[in-house]
Protein backbone atom coordinates (compact mmCIF):
# COMPACT_ATOMS: atom_id res chain seq x y z
CA MET A 1 -41.88 0.73 -79.29
CA ASN A 2 -44.55 3.71 -80.29
CA ASP A 3 -44.25 5.55 -83.05
CA THR A 4 -44.65 8.82 -81.97
CA ALA A 5 -41.82 10.80 -80.58
CA SER A 6 -42.31 12.01 -76.70
CA THR A 7 -41.34 15.80 -75.98
CA VAL A 8 -41.72 15.02 -72.79
CA LYS A 9 -39.12 15.10 -70.09
CA SER A 10 -38.99 14.16 -66.06
CA ARG A 11 -37.46 16.59 -64.25
CA ASN A 12 -39.49 17.67 -61.61
CA ILE A 13 -40.31 13.78 -60.21
CA LEU A 14 -42.78 12.49 -57.14
CA VAL A 15 -42.55 9.39 -55.77
CA LEU A 16 -45.11 7.59 -53.93
CA GLY A 17 -43.47 5.74 -51.05
CA ALA A 18 -40.64 5.19 -49.41
CA GLY A 19 -40.31 1.58 -48.35
CA GLU A 20 -39.23 -1.72 -49.97
CA LEU A 21 -38.92 -0.24 -53.54
CA GLY A 22 -39.38 3.57 -52.79
CA MET A 23 -36.19 3.73 -51.68
CA PRO A 24 -34.08 2.05 -53.96
CA VAL A 25 -36.17 4.07 -56.58
CA LEU A 26 -35.28 7.31 -54.80
CA ARG A 27 -31.39 6.43 -54.59
CA ASN A 28 -31.26 5.84 -58.15
CA LEU A 29 -33.49 9.17 -59.32
CA VAL A 30 -30.94 11.06 -57.24
CA ARG A 31 -27.90 9.65 -58.65
CA ARG A 32 -29.05 9.65 -62.50
CA ALA A 33 -30.34 13.55 -61.48
CA LYS A 34 -27.07 14.51 -60.67
CA ASN A 35 -26.21 14.52 -64.36
CA ILE A 36 -29.27 15.92 -65.76
CA GLU A 37 -30.03 19.31 -65.76
CA GLY A 38 -32.74 20.80 -63.78
CA ALA A 39 -33.67 17.63 -62.36
CA LYS A 40 -35.18 16.69 -58.84
CA VAL A 41 -36.49 14.44 -56.47
CA SER A 42 -39.46 14.60 -54.07
CA VAL A 43 -41.65 11.57 -52.26
CA LEU A 44 -44.62 12.15 -50.97
CA LEU A 45 -44.95 10.22 -47.26
CA ARG A 46 -47.37 10.03 -44.47
CA GLU A 47 -46.54 12.32 -41.56
CA SER A 48 -47.22 9.41 -39.85
CA ALA A 49 -43.89 7.56 -40.79
CA ILE A 50 -41.97 10.90 -40.43
CA GLU A 51 -42.49 11.09 -37.05
CA SER A 52 -42.43 7.09 -36.56
CA GLY A 53 -40.26 5.81 -33.90
CA ASP A 54 -38.95 2.66 -35.67
CA PRO A 55 -35.05 2.76 -36.47
CA ALA A 56 -35.26 1.67 -39.61
CA LYS A 57 -37.85 4.59 -40.63
CA GLN A 58 -35.79 6.82 -39.01
CA ARG A 59 -32.66 5.65 -41.07
CA ASP A 60 -34.60 6.46 -44.36
CA ILE A 61 -35.89 9.57 -43.35
CA ALA A 62 -32.27 10.54 -42.77
CA GLU A 63 -31.12 9.24 -45.67
CA ILE A 64 -34.09 11.00 -47.50
CA ARG A 65 -32.67 14.40 -45.95
CA ALA A 66 -29.24 13.67 -46.64
CA ALA A 67 -29.64 13.07 -50.49
CA GLY A 68 -31.49 16.46 -50.92
CA ILE A 69 -35.22 14.65 -51.56
CA GLU A 70 -38.19 17.00 -50.61
CA ILE A 71 -40.70 15.27 -48.34
CA VAL A 72 -44.65 15.94 -49.42
CA LEU A 73 -47.04 15.49 -46.72
CA GLY A 74 -50.07 12.96 -48.60
CA ASP A 75 -51.77 9.96 -47.28
CA LEU A 76 -52.67 7.77 -50.26
CA VAL A 77 -55.46 6.24 -48.76
CA ASN A 78 -56.68 9.21 -46.85
CA ASP A 79 -56.66 12.13 -49.10
CA THR A 80 -59.53 12.56 -51.64
CA ILE A 81 -58.57 12.03 -55.26
CA ASP A 82 -59.29 16.06 -55.81
CA GLU A 83 -56.47 16.29 -52.78
CA LEU A 84 -54.07 13.74 -54.46
CA ALA A 85 -54.80 15.63 -57.99
CA GLU A 86 -54.35 19.11 -56.42
CA LEU A 87 -50.07 17.70 -55.30
CA PHE A 88 -49.75 16.05 -58.05
CA ALA A 89 -50.17 18.85 -60.42
CA ARG A 90 -47.05 20.36 -59.27
CA TYR A 91 -45.00 18.01 -60.72
CA ASP A 92 -44.26 16.71 -64.52
CA THR A 93 -43.58 13.08 -63.62
CA VAL A 94 -44.94 10.88 -60.71
CA ILE A 95 -43.94 7.06 -59.87
CA GLY A 96 -46.44 5.07 -57.93
CA CYS A 97 -44.03 3.03 -55.50
CA ALA A 98 -46.83 2.35 -52.65
CA GLY A 99 -47.65 -1.64 -53.00
CA TYR A 100 -50.44 -3.16 -52.63
CA ALA A 101 -50.34 -2.21 -48.55
CA ALA A 102 -52.25 0.41 -49.36
CA GLY A 103 -55.39 -1.53 -50.59
CA ILE A 104 -56.67 -3.06 -53.44
CA ASN A 105 -58.48 0.33 -54.49
CA THR A 106 -55.63 2.76 -54.46
CA PRO A 107 -54.07 2.16 -57.84
CA MET A 108 -57.04 2.99 -59.44
CA LYS A 109 -57.80 5.75 -57.13
CA LEU A 110 -54.25 6.94 -57.86
CA ALA A 111 -53.96 6.32 -61.41
CA LYS A 112 -57.31 8.71 -61.48
CA ALA A 113 -55.88 11.50 -59.35
CA ALA A 114 -52.82 11.19 -61.73
CA LEU A 115 -54.81 11.84 -64.84
CA GLN A 116 -57.23 14.42 -63.40
CA SER A 117 -54.34 16.51 -62.37
CA GLY A 118 -53.28 17.12 -65.95
CA ILE A 119 -49.24 15.37 -65.06
CA PRO A 120 -47.19 14.94 -68.52
CA ARG A 121 -45.83 11.38 -67.35
CA TYR A 122 -47.85 8.48 -64.99
CA PHE A 123 -45.98 5.44 -64.04
CA PRO A 124 -48.41 3.57 -61.78
CA TRP A 125 -47.52 0.48 -59.22
CA GLN A 126 -47.18 -2.15 -61.71
CA PHE A 127 -44.26 -3.65 -60.80
CA GLY A 128 -44.87 -7.32 -60.93
CA VAL A 129 -46.34 -10.01 -63.75
CA ASP A 130 -47.58 -9.20 -66.99
CA PHE A 131 -51.27 -8.90 -66.63
CA GLU A 132 -52.69 -9.09 -69.91
CA ALA A 133 -50.91 -12.21 -70.30
CA ILE A 134 -52.31 -14.00 -66.92
CA GLY A 135 -55.92 -12.27 -68.28
CA ARG A 136 -58.87 -11.41 -65.78
CA GLY A 137 -60.76 -14.18 -63.44
CA GLY A 138 -57.36 -15.60 -62.12
CA PRO A 139 -57.21 -16.79 -57.99
CA GLN A 140 -55.54 -13.18 -57.79
CA ASP A 141 -57.89 -10.23 -58.06
CA ILE A 142 -55.63 -7.51 -57.29
CA PHE A 143 -54.44 -8.22 -61.05
CA ASP A 144 -57.93 -7.59 -62.69
CA ALA A 145 -57.37 -4.39 -60.18
CA GLN A 146 -54.03 -3.25 -62.26
CA LEU A 147 -55.83 -4.06 -65.57
CA ASP A 148 -58.06 -2.00 -64.76
CA VAL A 149 -55.47 0.79 -64.53
CA ARG A 150 -54.52 0.28 -67.60
CA GLU A 151 -57.62 0.45 -69.46
CA LEU A 152 -58.26 3.46 -67.84
CA LEU A 153 -54.78 4.86 -69.33
CA ARG A 154 -55.04 3.51 -72.61
CA SER A 155 -58.30 5.58 -72.69
CA GLN A 156 -56.79 8.91 -72.62
CA ASN A 157 -53.77 10.63 -74.16
CA LYS A 158 -53.05 13.40 -72.33
CA THR A 159 -50.87 11.73 -69.87
CA GLU A 160 -48.13 9.78 -70.86
CA TRP A 161 -47.60 6.44 -68.95
CA VAL A 162 -44.51 3.87 -68.44
CA ILE A 163 -45.34 0.15 -67.05
CA ILE A 164 -42.53 -1.50 -65.55
CA SER A 165 -42.76 -5.29 -65.91
CA THR A 166 -40.37 -6.85 -63.29
CA GLY A 167 -41.75 -10.17 -61.84
CA MET A 168 -41.83 -11.19 -58.82
CA PHE A 169 -39.24 -9.51 -56.16
CA MET A 170 -36.84 -11.72 -55.96
CA SER A 171 -36.27 -12.06 -52.30
CA TYR A 172 -39.90 -12.82 -51.84
CA LEU A 173 -39.47 -16.18 -53.46
CA PHE A 174 -37.14 -16.66 -50.17
CA GLU A 175 -39.89 -15.46 -47.61
CA PRO A 176 -40.62 -18.38 -45.34
CA GLY A 177 -44.36 -17.06 -45.49
CA PHE A 178 -44.57 -17.85 -49.09
CA GLY A 179 -43.38 -21.19 -48.55
CA VAL A 180 -41.83 -21.98 -51.80
CA VAL A 181 -38.21 -22.43 -50.43
CA ASP A 182 -38.20 -23.89 -46.77
CA LEU A 183 -34.62 -23.23 -46.48
CA GLU A 184 -34.63 -24.69 -42.59
CA HIS A 185 -35.79 -28.40 -44.01
CA GLY A 186 -33.93 -28.23 -47.66
CA GLU A 187 -37.07 -28.52 -49.37
CA VAL A 188 -38.44 -26.64 -52.68
CA HIS A 189 -42.02 -26.43 -52.55
CA ALA A 190 -43.21 -26.04 -56.46
CA LEU A 191 -45.86 -24.12 -57.83
CA GLY A 192 -48.01 -25.99 -60.29
CA SER A 193 -44.70 -27.80 -61.23
CA LEU A 194 -40.76 -28.17 -61.28
CA ASP A 195 -40.79 -27.32 -64.70
CA THR A 196 -43.05 -23.83 -64.00
CA ALA A 197 -41.00 -21.07 -64.66
CA VAL A 198 -40.87 -17.75 -62.67
CA THR A 199 -38.61 -14.29 -63.54
CA LEU A 200 -37.52 -12.35 -60.57
CA THR A 201 -35.62 -9.04 -59.97
CA THR A 202 -34.35 -7.44 -56.69
CA PRO A 203 -36.04 -4.07 -55.89
CA ASP A 204 -32.45 -2.70 -55.96
CA ASP A 205 -32.12 -3.63 -59.00
CA ILE A 206 -35.69 -2.40 -60.32
CA GLY A 207 -34.28 0.78 -58.86
CA VAL A 208 -31.52 1.32 -60.96
CA LEU A 209 -33.61 0.23 -63.90
CA THR A 210 -36.65 2.33 -63.01
CA ALA A 211 -34.10 5.54 -63.22
CA GLU A 212 -32.54 4.68 -66.19
CA ILE A 213 -36.09 4.05 -67.77
CA VAL A 214 -37.26 7.47 -66.96
CA PHE A 215 -34.33 9.46 -67.96
CA PHE A 216 -33.75 7.14 -71.17
CA GLU A 217 -33.51 8.61 -74.35
CA PRO A 218 -35.79 8.99 -76.74
CA THR A 219 -38.18 9.37 -73.53
CA ILE A 220 -39.99 5.87 -73.31
CA ARG A 221 -43.53 6.60 -73.73
CA ASN A 222 -47.18 4.71 -73.71
CA GLU A 223 -45.04 1.41 -73.39
CA ILE A 224 -45.11 -1.51 -70.98
CA VAL A 225 -41.17 -1.91 -70.43
CA PHE A 226 -40.00 -5.30 -69.63
CA VAL A 227 -37.09 -5.90 -67.00
CA ALA A 228 -35.79 -9.46 -65.11
CA GLY A 229 -33.19 -10.34 -62.57
CA ASP A 230 -33.31 -13.56 -63.53
CA THR A 231 -36.16 -16.51 -65.20
CA VAL A 232 -35.83 -19.64 -63.57
CA THR A 233 -37.93 -22.94 -62.64
CA TYR A 234 -38.90 -24.01 -59.25
CA GLY A 235 -36.38 -27.19 -60.24
CA GLU A 236 -33.82 -24.45 -61.19
CA VAL A 237 -33.91 -23.13 -57.86
CA ALA A 238 -33.80 -26.01 -55.99
CA ASP A 239 -30.20 -26.85 -57.98
CA LYS A 240 -29.24 -23.47 -57.26
CA LEU A 241 -29.64 -24.38 -53.64
CA GLU A 242 -27.78 -27.21 -53.27
CA ALA A 243 -24.47 -25.84 -55.83
CA ALA A 244 -24.06 -23.01 -53.51
CA LEU A 245 -24.82 -24.45 -50.13
CA GLY A 246 -23.53 -27.43 -50.54
CA ARG A 247 -26.73 -29.51 -49.10
CA PRO A 248 -29.19 -31.64 -51.02
CA PHE A 249 -32.96 -29.95 -51.43
CA LYS A 250 -36.01 -31.83 -51.79
CA ARG A 251 -38.09 -31.27 -54.24
CA SER A 252 -41.92 -31.64 -53.87
CA VAL A 253 -44.43 -29.69 -56.44
CA TRP A 254 -48.28 -28.13 -54.99
CA THR A 255 -50.35 -28.79 -57.99
CA VAL A 256 -52.91 -25.91 -59.11
CA PRO A 257 -55.86 -27.97 -57.86
CA PHE A 258 -54.09 -28.02 -54.43
CA LEU A 259 -53.78 -24.61 -54.20
CA MET A 260 -56.88 -24.14 -55.28
CA ALA A 261 -58.24 -25.65 -52.92
CA GLU A 262 -56.49 -24.00 -50.39
CA LEU A 263 -57.73 -20.69 -51.60
CA ALA A 264 -61.29 -22.27 -51.41
CA ASN A 265 -61.01 -22.90 -47.95
CA ASP A 266 -59.54 -18.96 -47.22
CA PRO A 267 -60.48 -16.97 -49.92
CA LYS A 268 -59.15 -13.64 -48.34
CA ASN A 269 -55.43 -15.57 -47.79
CA MET A 270 -53.20 -13.00 -49.98
CA MET A 271 -50.72 -15.70 -49.72
CA ARG A 272 -52.84 -18.28 -51.03
CA LYS A 273 -54.09 -15.86 -53.59
CA TYR A 274 -50.29 -15.50 -54.99
CA ARG A 275 -49.19 -19.20 -54.62
CA ALA A 276 -52.23 -20.20 -57.08
CA ALA A 277 -51.33 -17.30 -59.82
CA PHE A 278 -47.53 -17.89 -59.72
CA ALA A 279 -48.54 -22.11 -59.56
CA ILE A 280 -51.27 -21.82 -63.43
CA GLY A 281 -47.60 -20.32 -64.32
CA ARG A 282 -49.17 -17.47 -67.21
CA GLY A 283 -48.19 -14.48 -67.52
CA VAL A 284 -45.26 -14.93 -64.70
CA SER A 285 -42.38 -15.16 -66.34
CA TRP A 286 -40.58 -14.04 -69.60
CA PRO A 287 -36.69 -14.14 -71.45
CA LYS A 288 -34.33 -12.14 -69.74
CA GLU A 289 -32.90 -12.08 -73.46
CA GLY A 290 -34.41 -8.79 -75.13
CA THR A 291 -35.94 -7.14 -71.89
CA PHE A 292 -34.43 -3.49 -71.15
CA ASN A 293 -31.80 -4.50 -69.05
CA ASP A 294 -30.14 -7.09 -71.11
CA ARG A 295 -30.80 -4.60 -74.42
CA GLN A 296 -29.00 -1.69 -72.48
CA GLY A 297 -26.07 -3.97 -71.07
CA ILE A 298 -26.62 -3.29 -67.36
CA LEU A 299 -25.64 -5.89 -64.82
CA VAL A 300 -28.10 -7.38 -62.53
CA THR A 301 -28.17 -9.87 -59.99
CA ASP A 302 -29.63 -13.43 -60.74
CA VAL A 303 -30.78 -16.13 -58.44
CA ALA A 304 -27.00 -17.76 -57.80
CA ALA A 305 -25.76 -14.20 -56.62
CA LEU A 306 -28.90 -13.66 -54.29
CA ILE A 307 -28.67 -17.03 -53.03
CA ALA A 308 -24.39 -16.68 -52.33
CA SER A 309 -24.83 -12.88 -50.85
CA ASP A 310 -27.83 -12.52 -49.00
CA LEU A 311 -29.24 -15.58 -47.66
CA PRO A 312 -28.32 -15.66 -43.83
CA ALA A 313 -25.49 -17.27 -43.03
CA ALA A 314 -26.83 -19.32 -39.84
CA GLN A 315 -29.27 -21.13 -42.47
CA GLN A 316 -26.81 -21.91 -45.02
CA ASP A 317 -25.08 -23.39 -42.09
CA LYS A 318 -27.99 -26.26 -41.83
C-alpha cells in the first residue's frame, strides 16, 4: 500500500470494451455508481460493434442503453494515440477491458494515450497473472509487453494507476481448446505437474471486485491489487470434477519440455504460449488468503461452484 493519500475520485468513468470482461465491469460499476453522487459510466465501442447483427452483441447494446451508460464511438486499433488521448481527456478514470484481441501492441498504445491525456486515474488491461514474478523472456511474449506498460506507468507521477491481478479467467480452464480439462473423455492434462497451482477468477467476480476497487476508500493508487476466486492445483481440479460429476477423471501431465517442444513447432500459436507459461508455474498463482476479496469479505465463485453450476448438463452426464 502506498503511504501517500490520494485525492483522486472516480466519478466520470470510461470503460474500453464491452466483451467477456467489459460487460461485467460495466454492470457492477453502474450498480455501485447509484450510491455515489456524481458518478457516471460510459463505454467506448467501435461503430461496427454497435451496428452488428449478432444477436448476443445486440442484447449487450440493449443492456448498455437500458442501464443509462453513454456509448462513445472509438477504435482502439485504428485511432491514433493523439485521437485516443483527446477522447480519454474527457474523463477522470479510464478502465481497459478490451483484452488481447486488439493485438499485442495495443496495451502500450492505450497506456501512452492515457498518460498523454492527463487523466487522473488509469486501470490498464492487466487482468491476469503476476507478470513481474514471471519475468521477461518466457514463452508468452504478451507478458513482456505488459511489463513494458508497467514500467511506463511507474516512470511518471501525473496519472495514478491501479492494476488488478486476477489469475486466469476461471472459464478458460474448461475451454476445450485450452486442453486442460477434457470433459468428453474424462481426463485432466496437468500443465507442468499435478501439483502445479493456478489462480482462477470468473469474469463476473472480476466485474464485482473491479467496481469495489474503483470506488474503494481511501482511494487505491499506484498499486497492484490481487484478487482470487480460487487457487488450486491441477490434481485438485481432477478431484473436484470427480466429486461434482460422479465419474472418474484420468490424470496425465504435459511437462514443460513437452509443451516447449510443441511451441517450438508452432511458435506463433497463442494457446501453446499460454500452456507453456502456465506449466512453468511461476507467477500464475497466489494464496486466496490476503487478497482484496478475502480482506473485504466479498464472496466469490470457487472451482467447485463453477463445476456444479456452469458445466453443460450434457457433458456432466457423459
